[in-house]
N, C-alpha and C. Protein backbone atom coordinates (compact mmCIF):
# COMPACT_ATOMS: atom_id res chain seq x y z
N UNK A 1 0.75 -1.18 0.01
CA UNK A 1 -0.01 0.08 0.01
C UNK A 1 0.92 1.19 -0.01
N UNK A 2 2.01 1.35 0.90
CA UNK A 2 2.85 2.41 0.91
C UNK A 2 3.51 2.68 -0.31
N UNK A 3 3.93 1.46 -1.03
CA UNK A 3 4.59 1.71 -2.30
C UNK A 3 3.63 2.11 -3.44
N UNK A 4 2.44 1.88 -3.40
CA UNK A 4 1.59 2.39 -4.33
C UNK A 4 1.34 3.91 -4.25
N UNK A 5 1.27 4.42 -3.08
CA UNK A 5 1.19 5.76 -2.79
C UNK A 5 2.48 6.47 -3.20
N UNK A 6 3.55 5.81 -2.96
CA UNK A 6 4.88 6.44 -3.38
C UNK A 6 4.96 6.63 -4.93
N UNK A 7 4.63 5.51 -5.66
CA UNK A 7 4.75 5.61 -7.18
C UNK A 7 3.62 6.63 -7.80
N UNK A 8 2.50 6.73 -6.96
CA UNK A 8 1.54 7.73 -7.53
C UNK A 8 1.97 8.99 -7.34
N UNK A 9 2.70 9.24 -6.26
CA UNK A 9 3.31 10.58 -5.92
C UNK A 9 4.34 10.85 -6.92
N UNK A 10 5.24 9.76 -7.23
CA UNK A 10 6.22 10.18 -8.17
C UNK A 10 5.77 10.44 -9.68
N UNK A 11 4.67 9.72 -10.01
CA UNK A 11 4.08 9.73 -11.28
C UNK A 11 3.50 11.20 -11.43
N UNK A 12 2.74 11.66 -10.29
CA UNK A 12 2.20 12.96 -10.20
C UNK A 12 3.21 14.12 -10.36
N UNK A 13 4.45 13.91 -9.65
CA UNK A 13 5.61 14.89 -9.77
C UNK A 13 6.10 14.84 -11.15
N UNK A 14 6.38 13.77 -11.86
CA UNK A 14 6.84 13.70 -13.17
C UNK A 14 5.83 14.35 -14.10
N UNK A 15 4.63 14.06 -14.05
CA UNK A 15 3.59 14.65 -14.93
C UNK A 15 3.76 16.15 -14.78
N UNK A 16 3.75 16.76 -13.51
CA UNK A 16 3.74 18.17 -13.33
C UNK A 16 5.01 18.77 -13.94
N UNK A 17 6.16 18.12 -13.73
CA UNK A 17 7.42 18.50 -14.34
C UNK A 17 7.34 18.71 -15.92
N UNK A 18 6.84 17.63 -16.49
CA UNK A 18 6.65 17.61 -17.91
C UNK A 18 5.73 18.60 -18.42
N UNK A 19 4.55 18.93 -17.64
CA UNK A 19 3.66 19.93 -18.08
C UNK A 19 4.37 21.32 -17.84
N UNK A 20 5.06 21.42 -16.88
CA UNK A 20 5.85 22.77 -16.65
C UNK A 20 6.88 23.14 -17.72
N UNK A 21 7.56 22.05 -18.27
CA UNK A 21 8.58 22.04 -19.26
C UNK A 21 7.93 22.36 -20.57
N UNK A 22 6.76 21.73 -20.82
CA UNK A 22 6.03 21.96 -22.03
C UNK A 22 5.52 23.50 -22.04
N UNK A 23 5.04 23.98 -20.85
CA UNK A 23 4.51 25.27 -20.87
C UNK A 23 5.68 26.29 -21.08
N UNK A 24 6.82 25.94 -20.48
CA UNK A 24 8.01 26.89 -20.67
C UNK A 24 8.40 26.85 -22.20
N UNK A 25 8.45 25.66 -22.73
CA UNK A 25 8.89 25.59 -24.23
C UNK A 25 7.77 26.45 -25.10
N UNK A 26 6.58 26.20 -24.80
CA UNK A 26 5.50 26.90 -25.51
C UNK A 26 5.69 28.45 -25.30
N UNK A 27 6.00 28.86 -24.14
CA UNK A 27 6.17 30.34 -23.92
C UNK A 27 7.41 30.88 -24.51
N UNK A 28 8.43 30.11 -24.64
CA UNK A 28 9.64 30.46 -25.39
C UNK A 28 9.41 30.61 -26.83
N UNK A 29 8.67 29.62 -27.32
CA UNK A 29 8.29 29.52 -28.64
C UNK A 29 7.60 30.67 -29.13
N UNK A 30 6.52 31.15 -28.20
CA UNK A 30 5.65 32.43 -28.53
C UNK A 30 6.57 33.64 -28.69
N UNK A 31 7.61 33.84 -27.52
CA UNK A 31 8.34 34.88 -27.58
C UNK A 31 9.32 34.88 -28.78
N UNK A 32 9.73 33.82 -29.23
CA UNK A 32 10.60 33.74 -30.49
C UNK A 32 9.73 34.15 -31.78
N UNK A 33 8.52 33.73 -31.83
CA UNK A 33 7.57 34.17 -32.95
C UNK A 33 7.32 35.55 -32.91
N UNK A 34 6.99 36.16 -31.75
CA UNK A 34 6.76 37.66 -31.60
C UNK A 34 8.04 38.45 -31.91
N UNK A 35 9.24 37.92 -31.44
CA UNK A 35 10.34 38.70 -31.78
C UNK A 35 10.73 38.85 -33.25
N UNK A 36 10.14 38.09 -34.01
CA UNK A 36 10.31 38.09 -35.64
C UNK A 36 9.28 39.11 -36.27
N UNK A 37 8.29 39.45 -35.43
CA UNK A 37 7.29 40.42 -35.96
C UNK A 37 7.93 41.79 -36.34
N UNK A 38 7.44 42.25 -37.46
CA UNK A 38 7.93 43.73 -37.83
C UNK A 38 6.78 44.68 -37.55
N UNK A 39 7.29 45.96 -37.48
CA UNK A 39 6.33 46.99 -37.30
C UNK A 39 5.31 47.16 -38.43
N UNK A 40 5.96 47.01 -39.71
CA UNK A 40 5.08 46.96 -40.94
C UNK A 40 4.04 45.88 -41.05
N UNK A 41 4.39 44.73 -40.34
CA UNK A 41 3.42 43.63 -40.34
C UNK A 41 2.28 43.94 -39.48
N UNK A 42 2.72 44.48 -38.23
CA UNK A 42 1.71 44.78 -37.34
C UNK A 42 0.71 45.92 -37.81
N UNK A 43 1.36 46.89 -38.48
CA UNK A 43 0.59 47.86 -39.11
C UNK A 43 -0.43 47.47 -40.09
N UNK A 44 0.00 46.56 -40.92
CA UNK A 44 -0.74 45.95 -41.93
C UNK A 44 -2.02 45.33 -41.13
N UNK A 45 -1.70 44.64 -40.11
CA UNK A 45 -2.81 44.03 -39.40
C UNK A 45 -3.75 44.96 -38.81
N UNK A 46 -3.24 46.08 -38.37
CA UNK A 46 -4.12 47.18 -37.83
C UNK A 46 -4.91 47.86 -39.03
N UNK A 47 -4.41 47.95 -40.10
CA UNK A 47 -5.02 48.36 -41.27
C UNK A 47 -6.19 47.51 -41.65
N UNK A 48 -5.89 46.15 -41.71
CA UNK A 48 -6.97 45.09 -42.05
C UNK A 48 -8.06 45.10 -41.01
N UNK A 49 -7.81 45.46 -39.70
CA UNK A 49 -8.84 45.47 -38.80
C UNK A 49 -9.71 46.69 -38.71
N UNK A 50 -9.17 47.67 -39.42
CA UNK A 50 -9.81 49.07 -39.43
C UNK A 50 -10.05 49.62 -38.13
N UNK A 51 -9.18 49.28 -37.11
CA UNK A 51 -9.37 49.82 -35.88
C UNK A 51 -8.88 51.28 -35.82
N UNK A 52 -9.51 52.11 -34.91
CA UNK A 52 -9.27 53.53 -34.69
C UNK A 52 -7.76 53.61 -34.26
N UNK A 53 -6.99 54.51 -34.77
CA UNK A 53 -5.54 54.70 -34.25
C UNK A 53 -5.23 56.18 -34.07
N UNK A 54 -4.22 56.35 -33.32
CA UNK A 54 -3.65 57.68 -33.18
C UNK A 54 -2.12 57.66 -33.65
N UNK A 55 -1.71 58.48 -34.64
CA UNK A 55 -0.33 58.32 -34.99
C UNK A 55 0.28 59.49 -34.30
N UNK A 56 1.36 59.19 -33.45
CA UNK A 56 2.10 60.12 -32.75
C UNK A 56 3.36 60.47 -33.42
N UNK A 57 3.70 61.73 -33.49
CA UNK A 57 5.03 62.26 -34.13
C UNK A 57 5.93 63.04 -33.22
N UNK A 58 7.01 63.24 -33.68
CA UNK A 58 7.98 63.96 -32.93
C UNK A 58 7.51 65.31 -32.42
N UNK A 59 7.74 65.80 -31.28
CA UNK A 59 7.18 67.04 -30.76
C UNK A 59 5.85 66.98 -30.30
N UNK A 60 5.18 65.81 -30.02
CA UNK A 60 3.91 65.64 -29.31
C UNK A 60 2.86 65.74 -30.28
N UNK A 61 3.02 66.06 -31.54
CA UNK A 61 1.94 66.17 -32.50
C UNK A 61 1.31 64.75 -32.72
N UNK A 62 -0.03 64.65 -32.85
CA UNK A 62 -0.73 63.57 -33.08
C UNK A 62 -1.90 63.64 -34.00
N UNK A 63 -2.38 62.58 -34.62
CA UNK A 63 -3.43 62.69 -35.62
C UNK A 63 -4.32 61.40 -35.48
N UNK A 64 -5.44 61.47 -35.21
CA UNK A 64 -6.38 60.24 -35.00
C UNK A 64 -7.13 59.98 -36.27
N UNK A 65 -7.37 58.76 -36.56
CA UNK A 65 -8.14 58.29 -37.81
C UNK A 65 -8.03 56.78 -37.95
N UNK A 66 -8.04 56.35 -39.20
CA UNK A 66 -8.01 54.97 -39.66
C UNK A 66 -6.79 54.74 -40.50
N UNK A 67 -6.12 53.87 -40.27
CA UNK A 67 -4.97 53.42 -41.24
C UNK A 67 -5.49 52.81 -42.41
N UNK A 68 -4.97 53.49 -43.65
CA UNK A 68 -5.57 53.12 -44.85
C UNK A 68 -4.56 52.44 -45.94
N UNK A 69 -3.30 52.65 -45.57
CA UNK A 69 -2.24 51.99 -46.38
C UNK A 69 -1.00 51.98 -45.67
N UNK A 70 -0.09 50.94 -45.97
CA UNK A 70 1.18 50.70 -45.32
C UNK A 70 2.17 50.61 -46.50
N UNK A 71 3.05 51.62 -46.85
CA UNK A 71 3.96 51.39 -47.90
C UNK A 71 5.28 50.83 -47.47
N UNK A 72 6.23 51.07 -48.33
CA UNK A 72 7.57 50.48 -47.99
C UNK A 72 8.20 51.32 -46.91
N UNK A 73 8.07 52.66 -46.85
CA UNK A 73 8.74 53.56 -45.74
C UNK A 73 7.62 54.60 -45.42
N UNK A 74 6.38 54.45 -45.55
CA UNK A 74 5.30 55.45 -45.12
C UNK A 74 4.16 54.77 -44.87
N UNK A 75 3.24 55.58 -44.09
CA UNK A 75 1.86 54.97 -43.77
C UNK A 75 0.90 56.18 -44.32
N UNK A 76 -0.45 55.69 -44.62
CA UNK A 76 -1.44 56.64 -45.01
C UNK A 76 -2.59 56.50 -43.95
N UNK A 77 -3.01 57.53 -43.41
CA UNK A 77 -4.16 57.50 -42.48
C UNK A 77 -5.19 58.39 -43.01
N UNK A 78 -6.57 58.05 -42.77
CA UNK A 78 -7.74 58.89 -43.04
C UNK A 78 -7.90 59.62 -41.67
N UNK A 79 -7.57 60.83 -41.58
CA UNK A 79 -7.74 61.62 -40.30
C UNK A 79 -9.31 61.89 -40.10
N UNK A 80 -9.65 61.82 -38.69
CA UNK A 80 -11.01 62.11 -38.27
C UNK A 80 -11.53 63.34 -38.81
N UNK A 81 -10.59 64.35 -38.58
CA UNK A 81 -11.18 65.77 -38.87
C UNK A 81 -11.27 66.20 -40.48
N UNK A 82 -10.76 65.43 -41.34
CA UNK A 82 -10.84 65.84 -42.74
C UNK A 82 -11.00 64.62 -43.69
N UNK A 83 -11.46 64.95 -44.86
CA UNK A 83 -11.63 63.92 -45.81
C UNK A 83 -10.34 63.43 -46.61
N UNK A 84 -9.25 64.18 -46.54
CA UNK A 84 -8.05 63.88 -47.31
C UNK A 84 -7.29 62.76 -46.69
N UNK A 85 -6.08 62.60 -47.22
CA UNK A 85 -5.18 61.50 -46.68
C UNK A 85 -4.10 62.18 -45.96
N UNK A 86 -3.48 61.56 -45.03
CA UNK A 86 -2.43 61.91 -44.27
C UNK A 86 -1.29 60.99 -44.50
N UNK A 87 -0.18 61.38 -45.23
CA UNK A 87 1.00 60.46 -45.45
C UNK A 87 2.05 60.84 -44.52
N UNK A 88 2.50 59.77 -43.78
CA UNK A 88 3.53 59.97 -42.65
C UNK A 88 4.74 59.03 -43.09
N UNK A 89 5.85 59.73 -43.36
CA UNK A 89 7.20 58.79 -43.27
C UNK A 89 7.34 58.07 -42.07
N UNK A 90 7.71 56.81 -42.21
CA UNK A 90 7.95 55.82 -41.09
C UNK A 90 8.96 56.53 -40.18
N UNK A 91 9.84 57.21 -40.57
CA UNK A 91 10.99 57.92 -39.80
C UNK A 91 10.39 58.99 -38.85
N UNK A 92 9.09 59.50 -39.27
CA UNK A 92 8.50 60.48 -38.47
C UNK A 92 7.53 60.01 -37.35
N UNK A 93 7.18 58.66 -37.39
CA UNK A 93 6.30 58.10 -36.41
C UNK A 93 7.02 57.74 -35.14
N UNK A 94 6.57 58.33 -33.90
CA UNK A 94 7.07 57.86 -32.64
C UNK A 94 6.26 56.90 -31.99
N UNK A 95 5.15 56.66 -32.47
CA UNK A 95 4.31 55.55 -31.90
C UNK A 95 2.76 55.60 -32.54
N UNK A 96 2.11 54.47 -32.37
CA UNK A 96 0.78 54.35 -33.00
C UNK A 96 -0.02 53.83 -31.73
N UNK A 97 -1.06 54.59 -31.39
CA UNK A 97 -1.91 54.14 -30.28
C UNK A 97 -3.32 53.54 -30.89
N UNK A 98 -3.80 52.49 -30.23
CA UNK A 98 -4.98 51.99 -30.57
C UNK A 98 -5.51 51.31 -29.15
N UNK A 99 -6.75 50.71 -29.33
CA UNK A 99 -7.23 50.14 -28.06
C UNK A 99 -6.62 48.72 -27.83
N UNK A 100 -6.59 48.32 -26.70
CA UNK A 100 -5.86 47.01 -26.28
C UNK A 100 -6.20 45.82 -27.20
N UNK A 101 -7.49 45.58 -27.46
CA UNK A 101 -7.91 44.54 -28.38
C UNK A 101 -7.15 44.53 -29.66
N UNK A 102 -7.17 45.74 -30.35
CA UNK A 102 -6.63 45.79 -31.55
C UNK A 102 -5.03 45.52 -31.49
N UNK A 103 -4.48 46.00 -30.59
CA UNK A 103 -3.07 45.78 -30.28
C UNK A 103 -2.76 44.30 -30.11
N UNK A 104 -3.50 43.61 -29.34
CA UNK A 104 -3.40 42.20 -29.08
C UNK A 104 -3.60 41.43 -30.41
N UNK A 105 -4.49 41.94 -31.27
CA UNK A 105 -4.77 41.34 -32.51
C UNK A 105 -3.63 41.25 -33.48
N UNK A 106 -2.84 42.38 -33.39
CA UNK A 106 -1.49 42.43 -34.28
C UNK A 106 -0.52 41.48 -33.80
N UNK A 107 -0.70 40.78 -32.71
CA UNK A 107 0.20 39.80 -32.35
C UNK A 107 -0.19 38.29 -32.71
N UNK A 108 -1.50 38.13 -33.31
CA UNK A 108 -1.91 36.78 -33.45
C UNK A 108 -1.11 36.27 -34.68
N UNK A 109 -1.23 34.94 -34.74
CA UNK A 109 -0.31 34.27 -35.71
C UNK A 109 -1.36 34.05 -36.88
N UNK A 110 -1.48 35.09 -37.72
CA UNK A 110 -2.44 35.00 -38.92
C UNK A 110 -1.71 35.47 -40.03
N UNK A 111 -2.29 34.97 -41.10
CA UNK A 111 -1.69 35.43 -42.44
C UNK A 111 -2.10 36.87 -42.85
N UNK A 112 -0.98 37.73 -42.99
CA UNK A 112 -1.24 38.95 -43.41
C UNK A 112 -1.59 39.14 -44.91
N UNK A 113 -2.67 39.81 -45.24
CA UNK A 113 -3.15 40.12 -46.55
C UNK A 113 -2.02 40.91 -47.34
N UNK A 114 -1.35 40.50 -48.37
CA UNK A 114 -0.36 41.22 -49.03
C UNK A 114 -1.05 42.26 -49.82
N UNK A 115 -0.48 43.55 -49.86
CA UNK A 115 -0.96 44.77 -50.62
C UNK A 115 -0.41 44.93 -51.88
N UNK A 116 0.48 43.94 -52.39
CA UNK A 116 1.04 44.02 -53.72
C UNK A 116 1.94 45.23 -53.86
N UNK A 117 1.65 46.10 -54.94
CA UNK A 117 2.45 47.11 -55.39
C UNK A 117 2.50 48.07 -54.16
N UNK A 118 1.30 48.41 -53.48
CA UNK A 118 1.43 49.45 -52.53
C UNK A 118 2.64 49.20 -51.36
N UNK A 119 2.78 47.87 -51.05
CA UNK A 119 3.70 47.56 -50.05
C UNK A 119 5.08 47.93 -50.51
N UNK A 120 5.42 47.85 -51.84
CA UNK A 120 6.70 48.08 -52.35
C UNK A 120 6.89 49.64 -52.67
N UNK A 121 5.84 50.35 -52.77
CA UNK A 121 5.97 51.75 -53.06
C UNK A 121 6.69 52.51 -51.96
N UNK A 122 7.74 53.26 -52.37
CA UNK A 122 8.46 54.13 -51.51
C UNK A 122 7.86 55.46 -51.36
N UNK A 123 8.30 56.27 -50.48
CA UNK A 123 7.79 57.68 -50.45
C UNK A 123 8.08 58.44 -51.63
N UNK A 124 9.21 58.25 -52.27
CA UNK A 124 9.60 58.88 -53.54
C UNK A 124 8.53 58.54 -54.65
N UNK A 125 8.19 57.21 -54.78
CA UNK A 125 7.26 56.77 -55.78
C UNK A 125 6.04 57.35 -55.58
N UNK A 126 5.56 57.52 -54.39
CA UNK A 126 4.21 58.16 -54.11
C UNK A 126 4.31 59.69 -54.33
N UNK A 127 5.33 60.31 -54.04
CA UNK A 127 5.46 61.71 -54.22
C UNK A 127 5.54 62.08 -55.77
N UNK A 128 6.06 61.07 -56.44
CA UNK A 128 6.22 61.37 -58.08
C UNK A 128 4.81 61.13 -58.59
N UNK A 129 4.02 60.27 -58.17
CA UNK A 129 2.62 60.10 -58.50
C UNK A 129 1.92 61.47 -58.21
N UNK A 130 2.03 61.96 -57.00
CA UNK A 130 1.38 63.20 -56.78
C UNK A 130 1.80 64.27 -57.61
N UNK A 131 3.01 64.38 -57.98
CA UNK A 131 3.60 65.21 -58.94
C UNK A 131 2.87 65.12 -60.34
N UNK A 132 2.91 63.87 -60.75
CA UNK A 132 2.16 63.64 -62.07
C UNK A 132 0.72 64.17 -61.99
N UNK A 133 0.14 63.93 -61.07
CA UNK A 133 -1.45 64.17 -60.94
C UNK A 133 -1.67 65.72 -60.52
N UNK A 134 -0.46 66.35 -60.17
CA UNK A 134 -0.65 67.70 -60.01
C UNK A 134 -1.40 68.01 -58.70
N UNK A 135 -1.28 67.17 -57.73
CA UNK A 135 -2.06 67.25 -56.46
C UNK A 135 -1.67 68.39 -55.66
N UNK A 136 -2.50 69.31 -55.17
CA UNK A 136 -2.00 70.20 -54.12
C UNK A 136 -1.95 69.60 -52.70
N UNK A 137 -0.84 69.90 -52.02
CA UNK A 137 -0.56 69.23 -50.82
C UNK A 137 -0.12 70.26 -49.78
N UNK A 138 -0.30 69.83 -48.55
CA UNK A 138 0.31 70.59 -47.37
C UNK A 138 1.45 69.71 -46.86
N UNK A 139 2.54 70.31 -46.49
CA UNK A 139 3.70 69.56 -45.88
C UNK A 139 3.96 70.19 -44.56
N UNK A 140 4.26 69.31 -43.58
CA UNK A 140 4.69 69.67 -42.30
C UNK A 140 6.16 69.33 -42.24
N UNK A 141 7.05 70.20 -41.87
CA UNK A 141 8.47 69.96 -41.87
C UNK A 141 8.92 69.70 -40.34
N UNK A 142 10.02 69.19 -40.22
CA UNK A 142 10.60 68.80 -38.99
C UNK A 142 10.67 70.05 -38.07
N UNK A 143 11.00 71.15 -38.74
CA UNK A 143 11.26 72.36 -37.87
C UNK A 143 9.95 73.15 -37.46
N UNK A 144 8.78 72.47 -37.87
CA UNK A 144 7.47 73.10 -37.62
C UNK A 144 6.85 73.82 -38.62
N UNK A 145 7.60 74.13 -39.65
CA UNK A 145 6.99 74.99 -40.70
C UNK A 145 5.99 74.12 -41.53
N UNK A 146 4.83 74.69 -41.90
CA UNK A 146 3.91 74.09 -42.72
C UNK A 146 3.81 74.89 -44.10
N UNK A 147 3.89 74.20 -45.23
CA UNK A 147 3.91 74.72 -46.50
C UNK A 147 2.77 74.27 -47.30
N UNK A 148 2.23 75.01 -48.24
CA UNK A 148 1.20 74.53 -49.22
C UNK A 148 1.68 74.75 -50.49
N UNK A 149 1.43 73.87 -51.43
CA UNK A 149 1.88 73.83 -52.79
C UNK A 149 1.57 72.72 -53.62
N UNK A 150 2.17 72.67 -54.68
CA UNK A 150 2.11 71.62 -55.76
C UNK A 150 3.55 70.95 -55.85
N UNK A 151 3.67 69.59 -55.87
CA UNK A 151 4.85 68.87 -56.09
C UNK A 151 5.14 68.86 -57.55
N UNK A 152 6.24 69.53 -57.92
CA UNK A 152 6.62 69.83 -59.35
C UNK A 152 7.38 68.43 -59.78
N UNK A 153 8.28 67.92 -58.91
CA UNK A 153 8.94 66.59 -59.17
C UNK A 153 9.37 65.96 -57.86
N UNK A 154 9.84 64.82 -57.95
CA UNK A 154 10.32 64.03 -56.61
C UNK A 154 11.40 63.17 -57.13
N UNK A 155 12.52 63.32 -56.36
CA UNK A 155 13.58 62.36 -56.61
C UNK A 155 13.57 61.21 -55.69
N UNK A 156 14.83 60.58 -55.46
CA UNK A 156 14.90 59.45 -54.63
C UNK A 156 14.65 59.94 -53.07
N UNK A 157 15.21 61.01 -52.75
CA UNK A 157 15.19 61.40 -51.37
C UNK A 157 14.82 62.79 -51.23
N UNK A 158 14.13 63.40 -52.16
CA UNK A 158 13.65 64.94 -51.94
C UNK A 158 12.63 65.12 -52.94
N UNK A 159 11.88 66.23 -52.83
CA UNK A 159 10.91 66.81 -53.75
C UNK A 159 11.05 68.32 -53.95
N UNK A 160 10.54 68.73 -55.12
CA UNK A 160 10.59 70.01 -55.44
C UNK A 160 9.08 70.54 -55.15
N UNK A 161 8.87 71.72 -54.51
CA UNK A 161 7.69 72.10 -54.16
C UNK A 161 7.41 73.51 -54.60
N UNK A 162 6.41 73.83 -55.66
CA UNK A 162 6.07 75.16 -55.88
C UNK A 162 5.16 75.63 -54.90
N UNK A 163 5.56 76.46 -54.04
CA UNK A 163 4.85 77.06 -52.87
C UNK A 163 3.69 78.13 -53.39
N UNK A 164 2.40 77.79 -53.02
CA UNK A 164 1.36 78.83 -53.26
C UNK A 164 0.33 78.69 -52.27
N UNK A 165 -0.63 79.54 -52.31
CA UNK A 165 -1.60 79.64 -51.28
C UNK A 165 -2.67 78.52 -51.45
N UNK A 166 -3.24 77.96 -50.46
CA UNK A 166 -4.27 76.97 -50.41
C UNK A 166 -5.52 77.46 -51.36
N UNK A 167 -6.05 76.57 -52.05
CA UNK A 167 -7.17 76.87 -52.95
C UNK A 167 -6.89 77.60 -54.29
N UNK A 168 -5.37 77.97 -54.38
CA UNK A 168 -5.11 78.39 -55.56
C UNK A 168 -4.50 77.43 -56.51
N UNK A 169 -4.72 77.57 -57.90
CA UNK A 169 -4.12 76.61 -58.83
C UNK A 169 -2.48 76.88 -59.03
N UNK A 170 -1.71 75.96 -59.33
CA UNK A 170 -0.34 76.22 -59.59
C UNK A 170 -0.13 76.86 -60.81
N UNK A 171 -0.21 78.16 -60.83
CA UNK A 171 -0.09 78.95 -61.97
C UNK A 171 1.26 79.77 -61.65
N UNK A 172 1.83 80.26 -62.78
CA UNK A 172 3.10 81.03 -62.51
C UNK A 172 2.91 82.36 -61.59
N UNK A 173 1.74 83.00 -61.75
CA UNK A 173 1.51 84.09 -60.94
C UNK A 173 1.23 83.82 -59.53
N UNK A 174 0.79 82.69 -59.29
CA UNK A 174 0.35 82.34 -57.82
C UNK A 174 1.55 81.71 -57.08
N UNK A 175 2.59 81.34 -57.73
CA UNK A 175 3.70 80.48 -57.07
C UNK A 175 4.57 81.63 -56.38
N UNK A 176 4.72 81.49 -55.07
CA UNK A 176 5.54 82.52 -54.32
C UNK A 176 7.05 82.09 -54.26
N UNK A 177 7.25 80.74 -54.31
CA UNK A 177 8.62 80.28 -53.97
C UNK A 177 8.70 78.88 -54.62
N UNK A 178 9.81 78.46 -54.80
CA UNK A 178 10.24 77.03 -55.09
C UNK A 178 11.16 76.43 -54.04
N UNK A 179 10.83 75.25 -53.58
CA UNK A 179 11.52 74.70 -52.40
C UNK A 179 11.92 73.33 -52.64
N UNK A 180 13.17 73.02 -52.32
CA UNK A 180 13.66 71.61 -52.47
C UNK A 180 13.48 71.14 -51.08
N UNK A 181 12.68 69.98 -50.97
CA UNK A 181 12.49 69.45 -49.46
C UNK A 181 13.03 68.06 -49.45
N UNK A 182 14.10 67.79 -48.44
CA UNK A 182 14.43 66.45 -48.33
C UNK A 182 13.30 65.54 -47.71
N UNK A 183 13.29 64.40 -47.99
CA UNK A 183 12.17 63.48 -47.35
C UNK A 183 12.58 63.39 -45.93
N UNK A 184 13.69 63.37 -45.48
CA UNK A 184 14.21 63.37 -44.03
C UNK A 184 13.61 64.51 -43.23
N UNK A 185 13.24 65.62 -44.05
CA UNK A 185 12.77 66.83 -43.29
C UNK A 185 11.16 66.76 -43.15
N UNK A 186 10.52 65.79 -43.75
CA UNK A 186 9.04 65.67 -43.78
C UNK A 186 8.51 65.01 -42.58
N UNK A 187 7.47 65.68 -41.87
CA UNK A 187 6.80 65.19 -40.86
C UNK A 187 5.50 64.48 -41.38
N UNK A 188 4.82 65.10 -42.16
CA UNK A 188 3.72 64.66 -42.80
C UNK A 188 3.34 65.30 -44.15
N UNK A 189 2.63 64.64 -44.92
CA UNK A 189 2.13 65.18 -46.15
C UNK A 189 0.53 65.08 -46.30
N UNK A 190 -0.17 66.15 -46.36
CA UNK A 190 -1.62 66.00 -46.39
C UNK A 190 -2.17 66.40 -47.75
N UNK A 191 -3.18 65.54 -48.34
CA UNK A 191 -3.85 65.79 -49.55
C UNK A 191 -5.25 66.18 -49.18
N UNK A 192 -5.85 66.86 -50.13
CA UNK A 192 -7.26 67.19 -49.98
C UNK A 192 -8.17 65.94 -50.49
N UNK A 193 -7.46 64.99 -51.31
CA UNK A 193 -8.30 63.92 -51.74
C UNK A 193 -7.74 62.61 -50.85
N UNK A 194 -8.72 61.75 -50.62
CA UNK A 194 -8.22 60.54 -49.90
C UNK A 194 -7.77 59.35 -50.78
N UNK A 195 -7.79 59.67 -52.11
CA UNK A 195 -7.36 58.74 -53.12
C UNK A 195 -5.82 58.57 -53.00
N UNK A 196 -5.44 57.28 -52.68
CA UNK A 196 -3.98 57.09 -52.80
C UNK A 196 -3.68 55.76 -53.61
């Protein structure tokens, strides 16, 4: 009788140790999986969930809305306060806030829908498209200056902006200045149209 209880106790201890070891391995496996997640992957999951977000920028600036696109080095949001698009270079983002459930959903082991061409589009590609379409834009620069104008052309790491007043067409008489703006100096670009 005494031996039966001893073996039952040993079996129980062994089962508990195996369960603890399996739980530790599962936890380590999950930590390893999460360590391989990229910010772009999590942002694409936020975009797919259509969760409300707040994009935080350097200097405490923030914009609330819905994430609409994730490019190679930029994100596009539909701000709550306007119908246009807000383009933010990834280098300007200091954080993205959302509710806890949406944040946890970005950690799930799910297949992320690939966005094809848009995922590969760089900020330069997007700005060249804006120049081709002659879109009027507002630019916020790292030093706090906000410019309005039309992008004449865009290179790999900069754009040429014809500065003019909001609501005016880019005509020779309306242009006050021409500015070369490095992408590194951009905090955000806002369009009147939400088409990206």
